[in-house]
Amino acid sequence: MPVPSVQHLEELNLLLLSGSVEQQSRVITGRTQTIGAVMLAEQEHLLPLAGEGFDLASLHFPHINASGCVKVLTNFYSAPLPMGTSVQVKVYSAYVEVWHQAKCVARHERCYERHQKVLHLDHYLDVLTKKPGALAGSTALEQCRAQGGWPASYDRFWGLLKEREGKQAGTRAMIDVLLLGREYGAARVRRAVEEALDVGCSNLGAIRYLLNVNHLKQNPTAKPIDIGVLSRYDRPQPSLDAYDQLRPSWLATEVIQ
C-alpha cells in the first residue's frame, strides 16, 4: 500500500474542512436550527479537553535477534542492543521507534514492504570494531550508501587508511572515525574528514584534532560586561618599583657589574 504524499494529505484536509463548513449551514429534517447553531449550543455542555494526550502508536514487545534487529509486523529494524534483549517498539504511520529502559534507542522510517531489513550502520559499529572485515560487505553499509549517508570522501579516506596501516587496521581506524559521530555528530565528522583530505592527512588523530579545533572556533569569545556600581572597587595594578629601594646598594652594584 503506497504512502500518501504530504501534498495529497493537505488536499484531503482542505476537502474535509470545506465539507464540514457546508454541513454547518444544513438543517436536519424535523429540526428548526442549522447544524452549526446546534453545535454552538452544545459547546456549553461539553467537558474540557483532556490535559494529557495519548500516543498514536501500536505497541509491540519483541526481542533482539542474532542480527541485532527486532521483528515488527513483517519487517526487521536494527537496534544497538545485545541479542535477546526485550524491548518495546512503537509503530507510527511514518516511523518506528525502539525503546529500552524508558529511552528511545533507535528510530527508523517505517517500511511498508514485506520481509525487509531496515538497518542503521551506527548500530553495528561496536560489533564491527571486533570484526572490521565485515564492514565492506555489510548490508548496513550498503543501505547507508543508498540513503546518501556515506559520501565519496569516506571511501577516499578509508582507502588511504588501508594503504597506510593495512586492510584490517585501516578498516578498524575507519570504524573509529565513524564512532566519533556519536560524540560530535555525523555532519561535523564528515566535514573533518573532508578537511583532512584537503591538507593531505589520513589518520584518526588528525580527525580528532580537526574536530576539537573546529569546536573551539565555534565557541564565541566572552565579551566584557558593565559591572555598574562595582566599578568603584577598581584599584590600579600594583607596582614593584618601590621594592627596589629596599635592596642594598652593594647588591645593585654587583648585579650591574
C-alpha atoms as a PDB file:
ATOM      1  CA  MET A   1       0.000   0.000   0.000  1.00  0.00           C
ATOM      2  CA  PRO A   2       1.640   3.276  -1.097  1.00  0.00           C
ATOM      3  CA  VAL A   3       2.156   6.004   1.494  1.00  0.00           C
ATOM      4  CA  PRO A   4       0.193   9.191   0.660  1.00  0.00           C
ATOM      5  CA  SER A   5       2.317  12.252  -0.029  1.00  0.00           C
ATOM      6  CA  VAL A   6       2.225  15.388   2.109  1.00  0.00           C
ATOM      7  CA  GLN A   7       0.581  17.333  -0.711  1.00  0.00           C
ATOM      8  CA  HIS A   8      -2.135  14.693  -1.048  1.00  0.00           C
ATOM      9  CA  LEU A   9      -2.830  14.822   2.704  1.00  0.00           C
ATOM     10  CA  GLU A  10      -3.089  18.625   2.620  1.00  0.00           C
ATOM     11  CA  GLU A  11      -5.551  18.486  -0.254  1.00  0.00           C
ATOM     12  CA  LEU A  12      -7.599  15.885   1.627  1.00  0.00           C
ATOM     13  CA  ASN A  13      -7.665  18.065   4.767  1.00  0.00           C
ATOM     14  CA  LEU A  14      -8.862  21.069   2.770  1.00  0.00           C
ATOM     15  CA  LEU A  15     -11.592  18.953   1.190  1.00  0.00           C
ATOM     16  CA  LEU A  16     -12.773  17.717   4.598  1.00  0.00           C
ATOM     17  CA  LEU A  17     -12.712  21.254   6.006  1.00  0.00           C
ATOM     18  CA  SER A  18     -14.790  22.694   3.176  1.00  0.00           C
ATOM     19  CA  GLY A  19     -17.310  19.838   3.507  1.00  0.00           C
ATOM     20  CA  SER A  20     -17.577  20.433   7.259  1.00  0.00           C
ATOM     21  CA  VAL A  21     -18.286  24.143   6.740  1.00  0.00           C
ATOM     22  CA  GLU A  22     -21.001  23.344   4.218  1.00  0.00           C
ATOM     23  CA  GLN A  23     -22.649  20.891   6.629  1.00  0.00           C
ATOM     24  CA  GLN A  24     -22.911  23.559   9.342  1.00  0.00           C
ATOM     25  CA  SER A  25     -25.421  25.512   7.257  1.00  0.00           C
ATOM     26  CA  ARG A  26     -27.646  22.463   6.654  1.00  0.00           C
ATOM     27  CA  VAL A  27     -30.916  21.913   8.588  1.00  0.00           C
ATOM     28  CA  ILE A  28     -31.724  18.320   9.524  1.00  0.00           C
ATOM     29  CA  THR A  29     -35.249  17.170   8.672  1.00  0.00           C
ATOM     30  CA  GLY A  30     -37.607  17.842  11.565  1.00  0.00           C
ATOM     31  CA  ARG A  31     -35.317  20.470  13.150  1.00  0.00           C
ATOM     32  CA  THR A  32     -35.583  24.246  13.036  1.00  0.00           C
ATOM     33  CA  GLN A  33     -31.931  25.153  13.669  1.00  0.00           C
ATOM     34  CA  THR A  34     -28.926  24.585  11.491  1.00  0.00           C
ATOM     35  CA  ILE A  35     -26.236  22.072  12.437  1.00  0.00           C
ATOM     36  CA  GLY A  36     -23.822  24.935  13.175  1.00  0.00           C
ATOM     37  CA  ALA A  37     -26.263  26.631  15.585  1.00  0.00           C
ATOM     38  CA  VAL A  38     -26.892  23.378  17.444  1.00  0.00           C
ATOM     39  CA  MET A  39     -23.142  22.806  17.728  1.00  0.00           C
ATOM     40  CA  LEU A  40     -22.683  26.215  19.361  1.00  0.00           C
ATOM     41  CA  ALA A  41     -25.451  25.436  21.852  1.00  0.00           C
ATOM     42  CA  GLU A  42     -23.877  22.083  22.713  1.00  0.00           C
ATOM     43  CA  GLN A  43     -20.451  23.586  23.372  1.00  0.00           C
ATOM     44  CA  GLU A  44     -21.627  24.958  26.732  1.00  0.00           C
ATOM     45  CA  HIS A  45     -22.294  21.395  27.953  1.00  0.00           C
ATOM     46  CA  LEU A  46     -19.095  19.755  26.680  1.00  0.00           C
ATOM     47  CA  LEU A  47     -16.303  18.718  29.033  1.00  0.00           C
ATOM     48  CA  PRO A  48     -12.894  20.385  28.611  1.00  0.00           C
ATOM     49  CA  LEU A  49     -10.250  18.664  26.507  1.00  0.00           C
ATOM     50  CA  ALA A  50      -8.009  16.168  28.252  1.00  0.00           C
ATOM     51  CA  GLY A  51      -4.863  17.789  29.607  1.00  0.00           C
ATOM     52  CA  GLU A  52      -2.688  14.839  28.604  1.00  0.00           C
ATOM     53  CA  GLY A  53      -2.827  13.320  25.148  1.00  0.00           C
ATOM     54  CA  PHE A  54      -2.261   9.694  24.169  1.00  0.00           C
ATOM     55  CA  ASP A  55       0.311   8.122  21.903  1.00  0.00           C
ATOM     56  CA  LEU A  56      -0.990   7.283  18.422  1.00  0.00           C
ATOM     57  CA  ALA A  57       1.154   4.182  18.053  1.00  0.00           C
ATOM     58  CA  SER A  58       0.669   0.437  18.076  1.00  0.00           C
ATOM     59  CA  LEU A  59       2.824  -1.282  20.710  1.00  0.00           C
ATOM     60  CA  HIS A  60       4.901  -4.424  20.245  1.00  0.00           C
ATOM     61  CA  PHE A  61       7.279  -6.239  22.612  1.00  0.00           C
ATOM     62  CA  PRO A  62       9.794  -8.251  20.559  1.00  0.00           C
ATOM     63  CA  HIS A  63      13.356  -9.413  21.382  1.00  0.00           C
ATOM     64  CA  ILE A  64      16.619  -8.514  19.664  1.00  0.00           C
ATOM     65  CA  ASN A  65      17.587 -11.365  17.332  1.00  0.00           C
ATOM     66  CA  ALA A  66      21.028 -12.630  16.307  1.00  0.00           C
ATOM     67  CA  SER A  67      21.225  -9.997  13.551  1.00  0.00           C
ATOM     68  CA  GLY A  68      20.750  -7.118  16.001  1.00  0.00           C
ATOM     69  CA  CYS A  69      17.180  -6.493  14.812  1.00  0.00           C
ATOM     70  CA  VAL A  70      13.619  -6.604  16.097  1.00  0.00           C
ATOM     71  CA  LYS A  71      10.841  -8.094  14.027  1.00  0.00           C
ATOM     72  CA  VAL A  72       7.841  -5.758  13.837  1.00  0.00           C
ATOM     73  CA  LEU A  73       4.851  -6.876  11.770  1.00  0.00           C
ATOM     74  CA  THR A  74       6.607  -8.324   8.701  1.00  0.00           C
ATOM     75  CA  ASN A  75       9.879  -6.337   8.713  1.00  0.00           C
ATOM     76  CA  PHE A  76      13.100  -6.151  10.726  1.00  0.00           C
ATOM     77  CA  TYR A  77      14.587  -2.985  12.251  1.00  0.00           C
ATOM     78  CA  SER A  78      18.064  -2.662  13.752  1.00  0.00           C
ATOM     79  CA  ALA A  79      18.758  -1.556  17.329  1.00  0.00           C
ATOM     80  CA  PRO A  80      22.059  -1.107  19.243  1.00  0.00           C
ATOM     81  CA  LEU A  81      21.287  -3.715  21.914  1.00  0.00           C
ATOM     82  CA  PRO A  82      22.557  -7.222  22.761  1.00  0.00           C
ATOM     83  CA  MET A  83      20.818 -10.286  21.391  1.00  0.00           C
ATOM     84  CA  GLY A  84      17.879 -11.442  23.495  1.00  0.00           C
ATOM     85  CA  THR A  85      17.095  -8.015  24.955  1.00  0.00           C
ATOM     86  CA  SER A  86      13.369  -7.431  25.388  1.00  0.00           C
ATOM     87  CA  VAL A  87      12.272  -4.040  24.016  1.00  0.00           C
ATOM     88  CA  GLN A  88       9.165  -2.001  23.380  1.00  0.00           C
ATOM     89  CA  VAL A  89       8.503  -0.937  19.805  1.00  0.00           C
ATOM     90  CA  LYS A  90       6.156   1.909  18.889  1.00  0.00           C
ATOM     91  CA  VAL A  91       4.877   1.768  15.325  1.00  0.00           C
ATOM     92  CA  TYR A  92       3.616   5.065  13.922  1.00  0.00           C
ATOM     93  CA  SER A  93       2.329   5.789  10.442  1.00  0.00           C
ATOM     94  CA  ALA A  94       5.652   7.203   9.235  1.00  0.00           C
ATOM     95  CA  TYR A  95       8.337   5.805  11.549  1.00  0.00           C
ATOM     96  CA  VAL A  96       9.192   3.080  14.040  1.00  0.00           C
ATOM     97  CA  GLU A  97      10.800   3.636  17.463  1.00  0.00           C
ATOM     98  CA  VAL A  98      12.616   1.069  19.603  1.00  0.00           C
ATOM     99  CA  TRP A  99      12.512   1.771  23.356  1.00  0.00           C
ATOM    100  CA  HIS A 100      14.546   0.191  26.138  1.00  0.00           C
ATOM    101  CA  GLN A 101      14.527   1.173  29.814  1.00  0.00           C
ATOM    102  CA  ALA A 102      12.371   4.258  29.114  1.00  0.00           C
ATOM    103  CA  LYS A 103      14.797   5.513  26.445  1.00  0.00           C
ATOM    104  CA  CYS A 104      14.414   5.628  22.668  1.00  0.00           C
ATOM    105  CA  VAL A 105      17.469   3.744  21.366  1.00  0.00           C
ATOM    106  CA  ALA A 106      16.569   3.598  17.659  1.00  0.00           C
ATOM    107  CA  ARG A 107      14.245   5.307  15.220  1.00  0.00           C
ATOM    108  CA  HIS A 108      13.655   4.244  11.616  1.00  0.00           C
ATOM    109  CA  GLU A 109      11.487   5.337   8.759  1.00  0.00           C
ATOM    110  CA  ARG A 110       8.667   2.837   8.554  1.00  0.00           C
ATOM    111  CA  CYS A 111       8.881   0.319   5.754  1.00  0.00           C
ATOM    112  CA  TYR A 112       5.592  -0.671   4.097  1.00  0.00           C
ATOM    113  CA  GLU A 113       7.070  -3.561   2.119  1.00  0.00           C
ATOM    114  CA  ARG A 114       7.269  -7.112   3.434  1.00  0.00           C
ATOM    115  CA  HIS A 115      10.191  -9.138   4.822  1.00  0.00           C
ATOM    116  CA  GLN A 116      12.642  -6.244   4.549  1.00  0.00           C
ATOM    117  CA  LYS A 117      15.590  -5.299   6.796  1.00  0.00           C
ATOM    118  CA  VAL A 118      15.885  -1.631   7.769  1.00  0.00           C
ATOM    119  CA  LEU A 119      19.379  -1.146   9.190  1.00  0.00           C
ATOM    120  CA  HIS A 120      21.392   1.746  10.605  1.00  0.00           C
ATOM    121  CA  LEU A 121      25.176   1.453  10.258  1.00  0.00           C
ATOM    122  CA  ASP A 122      25.817   3.160  13.600  1.00  0.00           C
ATOM    123  CA  HIS A 123      24.017   0.314  15.401  1.00  0.00           C
ATOM    124  CA  TYR A 124      26.713  -2.159  14.255  1.00  0.00           C
ATOM    125  CA  LEU A 125      29.893  -0.135  14.818  1.00  0.00           C
ATOM    126  CA  ASP A 126      30.631  -1.646  18.236  1.00  0.00           C
ATOM    127  CA  VAL A 127      30.419  -5.155  16.783  1.00  0.00           C
ATOM    128  CA  LEU A 128      32.433  -4.188  13.701  1.00  0.00           C
ATOM    129  CA  THR A 129      35.341  -2.994  15.852  1.00  0.00           C
ATOM    130  CA  LYS A 130      35.867  -6.683  16.719  1.00  0.00           C
ATOM    131  CA  LYS A 131      35.238  -7.879  13.157  1.00  0.00           C
ATOM    132  CA  PRO A 132      36.332  -4.995  10.888  1.00  0.00           C
ATOM    133  CA  GLY A 133      36.488  -7.243   7.840  1.00  0.00           C
ATOM    134  CA  ALA A 134      32.688  -7.489   7.835  1.00  0.00           C
ATOM    135  CA  LEU A 135      32.214  -3.775   7.164  1.00  0.00           C
ATOM    136  CA  ALA A 136      32.892  -3.755   3.418  1.00  0.00           C
ATOM    137  CA  GLY A 137      30.210  -6.306   2.517  1.00  0.00           C
ATOM    138  CA  SER A 138      27.663  -5.477   5.208  1.00  0.00           C
ATOM    139  CA  THR A 139      24.038  -4.778   4.360  1.00  0.00           C
ATOM    140  CA  ALA A 140      24.099  -1.846   6.785  1.00  0.00           C
ATOM    141  CA  LEU A 141      26.858  -0.148   4.753  1.00  0.00           C
ATOM    142  CA  GLU A 142      25.004  -0.894   1.506  1.00  0.00           C
ATOM    143  CA  GLN A 143      21.863   0.787   2.840  1.00  0.00           C
ATOM    144  CA  CYS A 144      23.911   3.692   4.204  1.00  0.00           C
ATOM    145  CA  ARG A 145      25.325   4.295   0.714  1.00  0.00           C
ATOM    146  CA  ALA A 146      21.883   4.082  -0.878  1.00  0.00           C
ATOM    147  CA  GLN A 147      20.471   6.630   1.560  1.00  0.00           C
ATOM    148  CA  GLY A 148      23.302   9.126   0.954  1.00  0.00           C
ATOM    149  CA  GLY A 149      24.864   8.716   4.394  1.00  0.00           C
ATOM    150  CA  TRP A 150      28.224   7.520   3.052  1.00  0.00           C
ATOM    151  CA  PRO A 151      29.910  10.271   0.978  1.00  0.00           C
ATOM    152  CA  ALA A 152      32.705   9.702  -1.516  1.00  0.00           C
ATOM    153  CA  SER A 153      35.140  11.375   0.888  1.00  0.00           C
ATOM    154  CA  TYR A 154      34.701   8.437   3.286  1.00  0.00           C
ATOM    155  CA  ASP A 155      35.796   5.971   0.586  1.00  0.00           C
ATOM    156  CA  ARG A 156      38.855   8.106  -0.206  1.00  0.00           C
ATOM    157  CA  PHE A 157      39.805   8.397   3.459  1.00  0.00           C
ATOM    158  CA  TRP A 158      39.187   4.689   4.030  1.00  0.00           C
ATOM    159  CA  GLY A 159      41.390   3.806   1.054  1.00  0.00           C
ATOM    160  CA  LEU A 160      44.247   5.950   2.396  1.00  0.00           C
ATOM    161  CA  LEU A 161      43.930   4.330   5.823  1.00  0.00           C
ATOM    162  CA  LYS A 162      44.189   0.842   4.300  1.00  0.00           C
ATOM    163  CA  GLU A 163      47.229   1.843   2.229  1.00  0.00           C
ATOM    164  CA  ARG A 164      48.940   3.274   5.276  1.00  0.00           C
ATOM    165  CA  GLU A 165      48.004   0.797   8.034  1.00  0.00           C
ATOM    166  CA  GLY A 166      46.900  -2.314   6.167  1.00  0.00           C
ATOM    167  CA  LYS A 167      43.423  -3.565   5.296  1.00  0.00           C
ATOM    168  CA  GLN A 168      42.310  -4.736   8.747  1.00  0.00           C
ATOM    169  CA  ALA A 169      43.918  -1.983  10.827  1.00  0.00           C
ATOM    170  CA  GLY A 170      42.865   0.678   8.324  1.00  0.00           C
ATOM    171  CA  THR A 171      39.258  -0.521   8.397  1.00  0.00           C
ATOM    172  CA  ARG A 172      39.278  -0.544  12.201  1.00  0.00           C
ATOM    173  CA  ALA A 173      40.582   3.047  12.148  1.00  0.00           C
ATOM    174  CA  MET A 174      37.761   3.998   9.774  1.00  0.00           C
ATOM    175  CA  ILE A 175      35.246   2.490  12.195  1.00  0.00           C
ATOM    176  CA  ASP A 176      36.797   4.567  14.990  1.00  0.00           C
ATOM    177  CA  VAL A 177      36.289   7.657  12.821  1.00  0.00           C
ATOM    178  CA  LEU A 178      32.613   6.765  12.396  1.00  0.00           C
ATOM    179  CA  LEU A 179      32.262   6.243  16.151  1.00  0.00           C
ATOM    180  CA  LEU A 180      33.277   9.881  16.649  1.00  0.00           C
ATOM    181  CA  GLY A 181      29.878  10.772  15.187  1.00  0.00           C
ATOM    182  CA  ARG A 182      28.242   9.761  18.465  1.00  0.00           C
ATOM    183  CA  GLU A 183      30.213  12.455  20.278  1.00  0.00           C
ATOM    184  CA  TYR A 184      30.496  15.196  17.668  1.00  0.00           C
ATOM    185  CA  GLY A 185      27.659  14.451  15.237  1.00  0.00           C
ATOM    186  CA  ALA A 186      27.855  12.887  11.780  1.00  0.00           C
ATOM    187  CA  ALA A 187      27.904  16.238   9.950  1.00  0.00           C
ATOM    188  CA  ARG A 188      30.935  17.517  11.878  1.00  0.00           C
ATOM    189  CA  VAL A 189      32.824  14.257  11.367  1.00  0.00           C
ATOM    190  CA  ARG A 190      32.138  14.430   7.639  1.00  0.00           C
ATOM    191  CA  ARG A 191      33.499  17.999   7.461  1.00  0.00           C
ATOM    192  CA  ALA A 192      36.576  16.962   9.452  1.00  0.00           C
ATOM    193  CA  VAL A 193      37.266  14.073   7.053  1.00  0.00           C
ATOM    194  CA  GLU A 194      36.987  16.392   4.056  1.00  0.00           C
ATOM    195  CA  GLU A 195      39.311  18.942   5.698  1.00  0.00           C
ATOM    196  CA  ALA A 196      41.825  16.201   6.474  1.00  0.00           C
ATOM    197  CA  LEU A 197      41.821  15.088   2.835  1.00  0.00           C
ATOM    198  CA  ASP A 198      42.341  18.674   1.679  1.00  0.00           C
ATOM    199  CA  VAL A 199      45.511  19.039   3.783  1.00  0.00           C
ATOM    200  CA  GLY A 200      46.763  15.533   2.980  1.00  0.00           C
ATOM    201  CA  CYS A 201      46.127  13.879   6.370  1.00  0.00           C
ATOM    202  CA  SER A 202      44.871  10.322   6.669  1.00  0.00           C
ATOM    203  CA  ASN A 203      44.795   9.187  10.287  1.00  0.00           C
ATOM    204  CA  LEU A 204      42.429   9.119  13.227  1.00  0.00           C
ATOM    205  CA  GLY A 205      44.473  11.629  15.226  1.00  0.00           C
ATOM    206  CA  ALA A 206      44.041  14.268  12.519  1.00  0.00           C
ATOM    207  CA  ILE A 207      40.262  13.857  12.617  1.00  0.00           C
ATOM    208  CA  ARG A 208      40.222  14.240  16.405  1.00  0.00           C
ATOM    209  CA  TYR A 209      42.384  17.340  16.156  1.00  0.00           C
ATOM    210  CA  LEU A 210      40.207  18.963  13.497  1.00  0.00           C
ATOM    211  CA  LEU A 211      37.039  18.221  15.460  1.00  0.00           C
ATOM    212  CA  ASN A 212      38.436  19.850  18.589  1.00  0.00           C
ATOM    213  CA  VAL A 213      39.896  22.852  16.733  1.00  0.00           C
ATOM    214  CA  ASN A 214      36.658  23.463  14.862  1.00  0.00           C
ATOM    215  CA  HIS A 215      34.759  23.225  18.135  1.00  0.00           C
ATOM    216  CA  LEU A 216      36.994  25.872  19.695  1.00  0.00           C
ATOM    217  CA  LYS A 217      36.492  28.151  16.691  1.00  0.00           C
ATOM    218  CA  GLN A 218      32.733  27.887  17.010  1.00  0.00           C
ATOM    219  CA  ASN A 219      32.704  28.919  20.669  1.00  0.00           C
ATOM    220  CA  PRO A 220      32.228  32.701  20.864  1.00  0.00           C
ATOM    221  CA  THR A 221      34.694  34.685  22.984  1.00  0.00           C
ATOM    222  CA  ALA A 222      33.331  36.142  26.184  1.00  0.00           C
ATOM    223  CA  LYS A 223      32.614  39.874  25.973  1.00  0.00           C
ATOM    224  CA  PRO A 224      33.249  42.263  28.859  1.00  0.00           C
ATOM    225  CA  ILE A 225      30.144  43.380  30.728  1.00  0.00           C
ATOM    226  CA  ASP A 226      29.412  46.562  32.607  1.00  0.00           C
ATOM    227  CA  ILE A 227      29.695  45.879  36.352  1.00  0.00           C
ATOM    228  CA  GLY A 228      27.917  49.104  37.294  1.00  0.00           C
ATOM    229  CA  VAL A 229      28.399  50.303  40.885  1.00  0.00           C
ATOM    230  CA  LEU A 230      31.017  47.606  41.496  1.00  0.00           C
ATOM    231  CA  SER A 231      33.466  49.651  39.417  1.00  0.00           C
ATOM    232  CA  ARG A 232      34.147  51.804  42.494  1.00  0.00           C
ATOM    233  CA  TYR A 233      36.153  48.898  43.911  1.00  0.00           C
ATOM    234  CA  ASP A 234      38.583  49.001  40.989  1.00  0.00           C
ATOM    235  CA  ARG A 235      42.198  49.504  42.026  1.00  0.00           C
ATOM    236  CA  PRO A 236      45.287  50.211  39.902  1.00  0.00           C
ATOM    237  CA  GLN A 237      47.652  47.347  39.238  1.00  0.00           C
ATOM    238  CA  PRO A 238      50.399  47.164  41.911  1.00  0.00           C
ATOM    239  CA  SER A 239      53.932  48.242  41.039  1.00  0.00           C
ATOM    240  CA  LEU A 240      57.137  46.671  42.357  1.00  0.00           C
ATOM    241  CA  ASP A 241      59.298  49.745  41.755  1.00  0.00           C
ATOM    242  CA  ALA A 242      59.210  50.725  45.453  1.00  0.00           C
ATOM    243  CA  TYR A 243      60.781  47.414  46.428  1.00  0.00           C
ATOM    244  CA  ASP A 244      63.997  48.354  44.611  1.00  0.00           C
ATOM    245  CA  GLN A 245      64.656  50.910  47.375  1.00  0.00           C
ATOM    246  CA  LEU A 246      64.990  48.055  49.896  1.00  0.00           C
ATOM    247  CA  ARG A 247      67.846  46.446  48.020  1.00  0.00           C
ATOM    248  CA  PRO A 248      71.340  47.190  49.392  1.00  0.00           C
ATOM    249  CA  SER A 249      73.490  49.463  47.273  1.00  0.00           C
ATOM    250  CA  TRP A 250      76.290  46.901  47.072  1.00  0.00           C
ATOM    251  CA  LEU A 251      73.882  44.312  45.663  1.00  0.00           C
ATOM    252  CA  ALA A 252      72.753  46.701  42.979  1.00  0.00           C
ATOM    253  CA  THR A 253      76.408  47.455  42.064  1.00  0.00           C
ATOM    254  CA  GLU A 254      77.280  43.766  41.943  1.00  0.00           C
ATOM    255  CA  VAL A 255      74.362  42.999  39.695  1.00  0.00           C
ATOM    256  CA  ILE A 256      75.309  45.791  37.335  1.00  0.00           C
ATOM    257  CA  GLN A 257      78.929  44.505  37.147  1.00  0.00           C
END
